[in-house]
N, C-alpha and C. Protein backbone atom coordinates (compact mmCIF):
# COMPACT_ATOMS: atom_id res chain seq x y z
N MET A 1 -101.13 -228.41 81.97
CA MET A 1 -102.10 -227.84 82.90
C MET A 1 -101.36 -227.03 83.95
N THR A 2 -101.98 -225.96 84.37
CA THR A 2 -101.39 -225.19 85.44
C THR A 2 -101.82 -225.79 86.76
N GLU A 3 -101.23 -225.29 87.83
CA GLU A 3 -101.55 -225.85 89.13
C GLU A 3 -103.01 -225.62 89.50
N THR A 4 -103.58 -224.49 89.08
CA THR A 4 -104.98 -224.22 89.41
C THR A 4 -105.93 -225.06 88.58
N GLN A 5 -105.49 -225.53 87.42
CA GLN A 5 -106.34 -226.32 86.55
C GLN A 5 -106.19 -227.81 86.79
N GLU A 6 -105.34 -228.19 87.68
CA GLU A 6 -105.08 -229.60 87.92
C GLU A 6 -106.35 -230.28 88.42
N VAL A 7 -106.59 -231.47 87.94
CA VAL A 7 -107.77 -232.23 88.33
C VAL A 7 -107.48 -232.87 89.68
N GLN A 8 -108.42 -232.71 90.60
CA GLN A 8 -108.25 -233.25 91.93
C GLN A 8 -108.43 -234.76 91.93
N GLU A 9 -107.66 -235.43 92.74
CA GLU A 9 -107.77 -236.88 92.86
C GLU A 9 -109.07 -237.22 93.57
N PRO A 10 -109.85 -238.15 93.02
CA PRO A 10 -111.12 -238.49 93.67
C PRO A 10 -110.88 -239.21 94.99
N LEU A 11 -111.86 -239.08 95.87
CA LEU A 11 -111.77 -239.79 97.14
C LEU A 11 -111.99 -241.27 96.89
N ILE A 12 -111.11 -242.06 97.41
CA ILE A 12 -111.20 -243.50 97.20
C ILE A 12 -111.35 -244.16 98.56
N THR A 13 -112.42 -244.89 98.72
CA THR A 13 -112.62 -245.59 99.98
C THR A 13 -111.94 -246.95 99.90
N SER A 14 -111.57 -247.46 101.03
CA SER A 14 -110.88 -248.75 101.06
C SER A 14 -111.81 -249.88 100.62
N ALA A 15 -113.12 -249.68 100.74
CA ALA A 15 -114.06 -250.73 100.35
C ALA A 15 -114.03 -250.98 98.85
N ILE A 16 -113.82 -249.93 98.06
CA ILE A 16 -113.82 -250.08 96.61
C ILE A 16 -112.64 -250.92 96.16
N PHE A 17 -111.49 -250.67 96.72
CA PHE A 17 -110.27 -251.34 96.29
C PHE A 17 -109.79 -252.37 97.31
N TYR A 18 -110.72 -253.00 97.97
CA TYR A 18 -110.39 -253.95 99.02
C TYR A 18 -109.54 -255.10 98.50
N PHE A 19 -109.83 -255.58 97.30
CA PHE A 19 -109.14 -256.75 96.77
C PHE A 19 -107.94 -256.39 95.91
N LEU A 20 -107.66 -255.11 95.72
CA LEU A 20 -106.52 -254.71 94.90
C LEU A 20 -105.33 -254.36 95.77
N SER A 21 -104.15 -254.64 95.26
CA SER A 21 -102.95 -254.29 96.00
C SER A 21 -102.67 -252.80 95.86
N ARG A 22 -101.88 -252.26 96.76
CA ARG A 22 -101.57 -250.82 96.74
C ARG A 22 -100.90 -250.39 95.43
N PRO A 23 -99.92 -251.13 94.90
CA PRO A 23 -99.32 -250.72 93.63
C PRO A 23 -100.34 -250.70 92.48
N THR A 24 -101.29 -251.63 92.50
CA THR A 24 -102.31 -251.67 91.47
C THR A 24 -103.20 -250.44 91.57
N VAL A 25 -103.58 -250.08 92.78
CA VAL A 25 -104.41 -248.90 93.00
C VAL A 25 -103.66 -247.65 92.56
N ASP A 26 -102.39 -247.54 92.93
CA ASP A 26 -101.59 -246.38 92.53
C ASP A 26 -101.46 -246.28 91.02
N ALA A 27 -101.27 -247.42 90.36
CA ALA A 27 -101.16 -247.42 88.89
C ALA A 27 -102.49 -247.01 88.26
N LEU A 28 -103.59 -247.47 88.84
CA LEU A 28 -104.91 -247.10 88.33
C LEU A 28 -105.15 -245.60 88.47
N ILE A 29 -104.83 -245.05 89.62
CA ILE A 29 -105.00 -243.61 89.84
C ILE A 29 -104.13 -242.81 88.89
N LYS A 30 -102.89 -243.25 88.71
CA LYS A 30 -101.98 -242.55 87.81
C LYS A 30 -102.49 -242.59 86.37
N SER A 31 -102.99 -243.74 85.94
CA SER A 31 -103.49 -243.85 84.56
C SER A 31 -104.75 -243.00 84.36
N GLU A 32 -105.61 -242.93 85.38
CA GLU A 32 -106.81 -242.09 85.27
C GLU A 32 -106.45 -240.61 85.23
N LYS A 33 -105.46 -240.20 86.01
CA LYS A 33 -105.00 -238.80 85.96
C LYS A 33 -104.45 -238.48 84.58
N GLN A 34 -103.69 -239.39 84.01
CA GLN A 34 -103.12 -239.17 82.68
C GLN A 34 -104.22 -239.14 81.62
N ARG A 35 -105.19 -240.02 81.76
CA ARG A 35 -106.31 -240.05 80.81
C ARG A 35 -107.08 -238.74 80.84
N ARG A 36 -107.37 -238.25 82.05
CA ARG A 36 -108.07 -236.97 82.18
C ARG A 36 -107.25 -235.82 81.64
N TYR A 37 -105.95 -235.84 81.92
CA TYR A 37 -105.07 -234.78 81.41
C TYR A 37 -105.08 -234.78 79.88
N ASN A 38 -104.96 -235.96 79.27
CA ASN A 38 -104.96 -236.05 77.80
C ASN A 38 -106.30 -235.57 77.22
N ARG A 39 -107.39 -235.93 77.89
CA ARG A 39 -108.71 -235.56 77.39
C ARG A 39 -108.95 -234.05 77.49
N LEU A 40 -108.49 -233.41 78.56
CA LEU A 40 -108.76 -232.00 78.80
C LEU A 40 -107.65 -231.06 78.34
N HIS A 41 -106.55 -231.62 77.87
CA HIS A 41 -105.40 -230.80 77.50
C HIS A 41 -105.76 -229.76 76.43
N ALA A 42 -106.42 -230.17 75.37
CA ALA A 42 -106.78 -229.24 74.30
C ALA A 42 -107.75 -228.18 74.80
N HIS A 43 -108.62 -228.55 75.71
CA HIS A 43 -109.58 -227.60 76.27
C HIS A 43 -108.85 -226.48 77.01
N TYR A 44 -107.89 -226.84 77.83
CA TYR A 44 -107.17 -225.83 78.60
C TYR A 44 -106.22 -225.01 77.73
N GLN A 45 -105.72 -225.60 76.64
CA GLN A 45 -104.79 -224.89 75.77
C GLN A 45 -105.50 -223.98 74.76
N ASN A 46 -106.81 -224.13 74.62
CA ASN A 46 -107.57 -223.35 73.64
C ASN A 46 -107.62 -221.88 74.07
N ASP A 47 -107.05 -221.01 73.25
CA ASP A 47 -107.09 -219.58 73.56
C ASP A 47 -107.91 -218.81 72.52
N VAL A 48 -108.65 -219.53 71.69
CA VAL A 48 -109.47 -218.90 70.65
C VAL A 48 -110.76 -218.35 71.26
N TRP A 49 -111.38 -219.14 72.12
CA TRP A 49 -112.65 -218.74 72.71
C TRP A 49 -112.43 -218.03 74.02
N GLU A 50 -113.24 -217.01 74.25
CA GLU A 50 -113.19 -216.29 75.52
C GLU A 50 -114.12 -217.00 76.50
N LYS A 51 -113.60 -217.39 77.64
CA LYS A 51 -114.41 -218.10 78.62
C LYS A 51 -115.30 -217.10 79.35
N ARG A 52 -116.55 -217.47 79.56
CA ARG A 52 -117.51 -216.59 80.21
C ARG A 52 -117.39 -216.66 81.72
N THR A 53 -117.65 -215.54 82.36
CA THR A 53 -117.73 -215.51 83.82
C THR A 53 -119.18 -215.46 84.28
N LYS A 54 -120.08 -215.06 83.36
CA LYS A 54 -121.51 -215.00 83.64
C LYS A 54 -122.26 -215.20 82.33
N PRO A 55 -123.54 -215.55 82.39
CA PRO A 55 -124.30 -215.75 81.15
C PRO A 55 -124.49 -214.43 80.40
N PRO A 56 -124.80 -214.51 79.11
CA PRO A 56 -125.05 -213.28 78.35
C PRO A 56 -126.26 -212.53 78.92
N GLU A 57 -126.31 -211.25 78.68
CA GLU A 57 -127.39 -210.41 79.22
C GLU A 57 -128.76 -210.85 78.72
N ASN A 58 -128.86 -211.29 77.48
CA ASN A 58 -130.17 -211.62 76.90
C ASN A 58 -130.44 -213.13 76.87
N TRP A 59 -129.89 -213.88 77.79
CA TRP A 59 -130.02 -215.34 77.75
C TRP A 59 -131.45 -215.80 78.01
N ASN A 60 -132.26 -214.96 78.67
CA ASN A 60 -133.60 -215.38 79.06
C ASN A 60 -134.69 -214.67 78.27
N THR A 61 -134.40 -214.21 77.08
CA THR A 61 -135.41 -213.54 76.27
C THR A 61 -136.40 -214.57 75.74
N PRO A 62 -137.63 -214.14 75.45
CA PRO A 62 -138.63 -215.08 74.92
C PRO A 62 -138.19 -215.65 73.58
N LEU A 63 -138.68 -216.85 73.31
CA LEU A 63 -138.38 -217.49 72.03
C LEU A 63 -139.11 -216.76 70.91
N PRO A 64 -138.62 -216.90 69.68
CA PRO A 64 -139.34 -216.30 68.55
C PRO A 64 -140.75 -216.90 68.45
N GLU A 65 -141.66 -216.13 67.86
CA GLU A 65 -143.07 -216.55 67.79
C GLU A 65 -143.25 -217.88 67.07
N TRP A 66 -142.53 -218.08 65.98
CA TRP A 66 -142.68 -219.33 65.22
C TRP A 66 -142.25 -220.53 66.05
N MET A 67 -141.25 -220.34 66.90
CA MET A 67 -140.77 -221.44 67.74
C MET A 67 -141.77 -221.73 68.86
N GLN A 68 -142.39 -220.69 69.39
CA GLN A 68 -143.41 -220.89 70.43
C GLN A 68 -144.62 -221.63 69.86
N LYS A 69 -145.00 -221.32 68.62
CA LYS A 69 -146.13 -222.02 68.00
C LYS A 69 -145.83 -223.50 67.80
N GLU A 70 -144.61 -223.81 67.41
CA GLU A 70 -144.22 -225.22 67.25
C GLU A 70 -144.22 -225.94 68.59
N PHE A 71 -143.84 -225.22 69.64
CA PHE A 71 -143.76 -225.81 70.97
C PHE A 71 -145.14 -226.12 71.54
N GLU A 72 -146.18 -225.37 71.12
CA GLU A 72 -147.52 -225.57 71.67
C GLU A 72 -148.04 -226.99 71.46
N ASN A 73 -147.70 -227.61 70.37
CA ASN A 73 -148.20 -228.96 70.07
C ASN A 73 -147.18 -230.05 70.37
N SER A 74 -146.11 -229.70 71.02
CA SER A 74 -145.07 -230.70 71.28
C SER A 74 -145.44 -231.57 72.48
N TYR A 75 -144.87 -232.73 72.51
CA TYR A 75 -145.09 -233.66 73.62
C TYR A 75 -144.62 -233.06 74.94
N LEU A 76 -143.49 -232.36 74.92
CA LEU A 76 -142.96 -231.77 76.15
C LEU A 76 -143.91 -230.70 76.70
N HIS A 77 -144.50 -229.92 75.82
CA HIS A 77 -145.44 -228.88 76.27
C HIS A 77 -146.69 -229.50 76.88
N ILE A 78 -147.21 -230.53 76.25
CA ILE A 78 -148.40 -231.21 76.76
C ILE A 78 -148.12 -231.83 78.12
N ARG A 79 -146.99 -232.50 78.24
CA ARG A 79 -146.62 -233.11 79.53
C ARG A 79 -146.38 -232.05 80.60
N SER A 80 -145.78 -230.94 80.21
CA SER A 80 -145.53 -229.85 81.15
C SER A 80 -146.85 -229.30 81.70
N LYS A 81 -147.84 -229.11 80.82
CA LYS A 81 -149.15 -228.62 81.26
C LYS A 81 -149.81 -229.64 82.20
N GLU A 82 -149.72 -230.92 81.88
CA GLU A 82 -150.31 -231.96 82.73
C GLU A 82 -149.68 -231.94 84.12
N ILE A 83 -148.37 -231.80 84.18
CA ILE A 83 -147.68 -231.80 85.46
C ILE A 83 -148.05 -230.56 86.27
N LYS A 84 -148.11 -229.40 85.61
CA LYS A 84 -148.47 -228.16 86.30
C LYS A 84 -149.89 -228.20 86.82
N GLN A 85 -150.80 -228.86 86.11
CA GLN A 85 -152.19 -228.97 86.55
C GLN A 85 -152.36 -230.02 87.64
N GLY A 86 -151.34 -230.82 87.85
CA GLY A 86 -151.40 -231.85 88.88
C GLY A 86 -152.19 -233.07 88.46
N ALA A 87 -152.39 -233.23 87.18
CA ALA A 87 -153.14 -234.38 86.69
C ALA A 87 -152.33 -235.65 86.94
N GLU A 88 -153.01 -236.63 87.52
CA GLU A 88 -152.33 -237.89 87.80
C GLU A 88 -152.32 -238.73 86.52
N VAL A 89 -151.15 -239.08 86.07
CA VAL A 89 -151.01 -239.82 84.83
C VAL A 89 -150.56 -241.23 85.15
N SER A 90 -151.23 -242.18 84.55
CA SER A 90 -150.88 -243.58 84.77
C SER A 90 -149.51 -243.87 84.16
N PRO A 91 -148.67 -244.64 84.86
CA PRO A 91 -147.38 -245.01 84.27
C PRO A 91 -147.54 -245.87 83.02
N LEU A 92 -148.74 -246.45 82.85
CA LEU A 92 -148.99 -247.27 81.67
C LEU A 92 -149.40 -246.41 80.47
N ASP A 93 -149.74 -245.15 80.72
CA ASP A 93 -150.15 -244.24 79.65
C ASP A 93 -148.91 -243.77 78.90
N THR A 94 -148.65 -244.38 77.77
CA THR A 94 -147.49 -243.99 76.98
C THR A 94 -147.95 -243.56 75.60
N LYS A 95 -147.20 -242.66 75.05
CA LYS A 95 -147.51 -242.19 73.69
C LYS A 95 -146.28 -242.42 72.84
N CYS A 96 -146.50 -242.92 71.66
CA CYS A 96 -145.39 -243.17 70.76
C CYS A 96 -145.73 -242.59 69.40
N THR A 97 -144.81 -241.81 68.88
CA THR A 97 -145.01 -241.24 67.55
C THR A 97 -143.84 -241.64 66.69
N ILE A 98 -144.15 -242.26 65.58
CA ILE A 98 -143.11 -242.65 64.64
C ILE A 98 -143.29 -241.79 63.41
N LEU A 99 -142.29 -241.02 63.12
CA LEU A 99 -142.36 -240.12 61.97
C LEU A 99 -141.63 -240.69 60.80
């Protein structure tokens, strides 16, 4: 990792590690830094993909017509309409579909 890509050490309050000794806390922080480095190492070394600085120009285009038709009868669409209309829905009102 380069210096700019280094993962910042999280803020640790004394309340969290009240019962741990200082060497134990230091060892824990060191192991977490190493774990994060190992997990993100391949990500930072990847030079195949070009990283974006902004979203693509057409990211907000309408969905294809067939996808919009499928969405009309979906549970998410129905719930979205209910929420937008301000309809009060009972927390006991649940729907379950087993396909």
